[in-house]
Protein backbone atom coordinates (compact mmCIF):
# COMPACT_ATOMS: atom_id res chain seq x y z
CA MET A 1 -23.89 95.00 2.43
CA ASP A 2 -26.83 93.26 1.36
CA TRP A 3 -26.73 90.46 3.76
CA ILE A 4 -29.43 88.65 4.31
CA GLN A 5 -30.80 89.18 8.34
CA LEU A 6 -30.91 85.66 9.77
CA LYS A 7 -34.51 86.30 12.16
CA ASP A 8 -36.31 83.57 12.04
CA ALA A 9 -35.48 79.68 12.82
CA SER A 10 -37.33 78.40 9.46
CA GLN A 11 -34.33 80.27 7.48
CA ILE A 12 -32.04 77.37 8.85
CA GLU A 13 -33.62 74.93 6.48
CA GLU A 14 -33.44 77.95 3.62
CA ILE A 15 -29.74 77.74 4.25
CA LYS A 16 -29.58 74.19 4.06
CA THR A 17 -31.37 74.20 0.63
CA THR A 18 -29.44 76.88 -0.83
CA SER A 19 -25.61 75.23 0.34
CA LYS A 20 -26.89 72.56 -2.07
CA SER A 21 -26.39 74.60 -4.93
CA ARG A 22 -23.64 77.25 -3.66
CA PRO A 23 -21.82 78.04 -0.17
CA VAL A 24 -23.57 79.88 2.49
CA LEU A 25 -21.72 81.82 5.06
CA ILE A 26 -23.39 82.94 8.25
CA PHE A 27 -21.75 85.83 10.54
CA LYS A 28 -22.34 85.70 14.25
CA HIS A 29 -22.02 88.87 15.45
CA SER A 30 -22.39 90.51 19.25
CA THR A 31 -23.06 94.11 18.91
CA ARG A 32 -21.68 94.59 22.39
CA CYS A 33 -18.40 93.02 21.62
CA ALA A 34 -15.66 95.21 20.61
CA ILE A 35 -13.46 92.34 18.65
CA SER A 36 -16.87 90.97 17.13
CA GLY A 37 -17.24 94.75 15.78
CA MET A 38 -13.58 94.49 14.29
CA ALA A 39 -14.27 91.29 12.83
CA TRP A 40 -17.44 92.41 10.95
CA ASP A 41 -15.80 95.76 9.98
CA ARG A 42 -12.71 93.64 8.19
CA LEU A 43 -15.10 91.31 6.70
CA LYS A 44 -17.21 94.22 5.16
CA ARG A 45 -14.26 96.05 4.34
CA ASN A 46 -12.84 93.25 2.01
CA TRP A 47 -16.32 91.98 0.83
CA LYS A 48 -16.55 92.60 -2.93
CA THR A 49 -20.23 93.11 -4.57
CA GLU A 50 -19.10 90.08 -7.28
CA ASP A 51 -18.88 87.72 -3.97
CA PHE A 52 -22.41 87.46 -3.58
CA GLU A 53 -22.07 85.66 -7.05
CA LYS A 54 -20.15 82.76 -5.21
CA ILE A 55 -21.45 82.77 -1.92
CA GLN A 56 -24.91 83.73 -0.09
CA PRO A 57 -24.09 85.39 3.26
CA TYR A 58 -26.15 85.79 6.40
CA PHE A 59 -25.81 88.00 9.31
CA LEU A 60 -27.00 86.93 12.77
CA ASP A 61 -27.05 89.62 15.50
CA LEU A 62 -26.43 87.35 18.32
CA LEU A 63 -27.95 89.41 20.78
CA SER A 64 -31.24 89.58 19.15
CA TYR A 65 -31.65 86.21 18.51
CA ARG A 66 -29.66 84.15 20.53
CA ASN A 67 -32.33 80.96 20.20
CA ILE A 68 -31.55 80.71 16.39
CA SER A 69 -27.49 80.88 17.27
CA ASN A 70 -28.21 77.92 19.55
CA GLN A 71 -30.34 76.12 16.95
CA ILE A 72 -27.57 76.92 14.69
CA ALA A 73 -24.82 75.41 16.80
CA ALA A 74 -27.40 72.00 17.28
CA GLN A 75 -28.21 71.83 13.60
CA PHE A 76 -24.59 72.42 11.91
CA ASP A 77 -22.70 70.84 15.08
CA VAL A 78 -20.29 73.52 15.73
CA TYR A 79 -19.46 75.04 18.87
CA HIS A 80 -21.10 78.42 19.80
CA GLU A 81 -18.60 81.50 19.68
CA SER A 82 -19.01 85.10 19.08
CA PRO A 83 -17.96 86.41 16.37
CA GLN A 84 -18.49 83.45 14.46
CA ILE A 85 -18.38 82.71 10.88
CA ILE A 86 -19.58 78.96 9.65
CA LEU A 87 -19.37 77.97 6.25
CA ILE A 88 -21.92 75.54 4.71
CA LYS A 89 -22.10 73.33 1.80
CA ASP A 90 -24.41 70.68 1.15
CA GLY A 91 -26.38 71.53 4.10
CA LYS A 92 -23.06 70.71 6.61
CA ALA A 93 -20.75 72.90 8.09
CA VAL A 94 -17.35 72.39 6.13
CA TYR A 95 -15.66 75.37 8.15
CA ASP A 96 -15.84 77.58 10.98
CA ASN A 97 -13.78 79.98 12.72
CA SER A 98 -14.03 83.25 15.47
CA HIS A 99 -12.76 86.05 16.61
CA MET A 100 -9.38 87.28 14.99
CA GLY A 101 -9.50 83.86 13.12
CA ILE A 102 -11.94 85.23 11.14
CA SER A 103 -10.45 86.14 7.40
CA TYR A 104 -11.88 87.13 4.24
CA GLN A 105 -9.17 85.31 2.32
CA ASP A 106 -9.32 82.27 4.01
CA ILE A 107 -13.36 82.26 3.66
CA MET A 108 -13.15 82.73 -0.40
CA SER A 109 -10.35 80.32 -0.43
CA ARG A 110 -12.61 77.76 0.89
CA ILE A 111 -15.58 78.23 -1.02
CA GLY A 112 -14.35 76.77 -4.68
């Protein structure tokens, strides 16, 4: 998948800017968590190539970049969870969910 890897705090401003023209999705993933792995696999299986035209997806390796996860929580006023998805529009988090609540269909129904 061609998701943008979130590796630098400066990308948070990039996300805010991009979200003004199209929705942005952040997937926060813990590589040591089986539930996180399952949620990530389900999302990847459902993701379609044409979805990249509708939404800009980012992937955050939580164990490697916990400081960025903390900044995301503060910037977008969401409680940190893992795994977690955060949908951002117009520079603000408009939806987030975690664990088995992460649903491709639910995400896609909210981007319109």
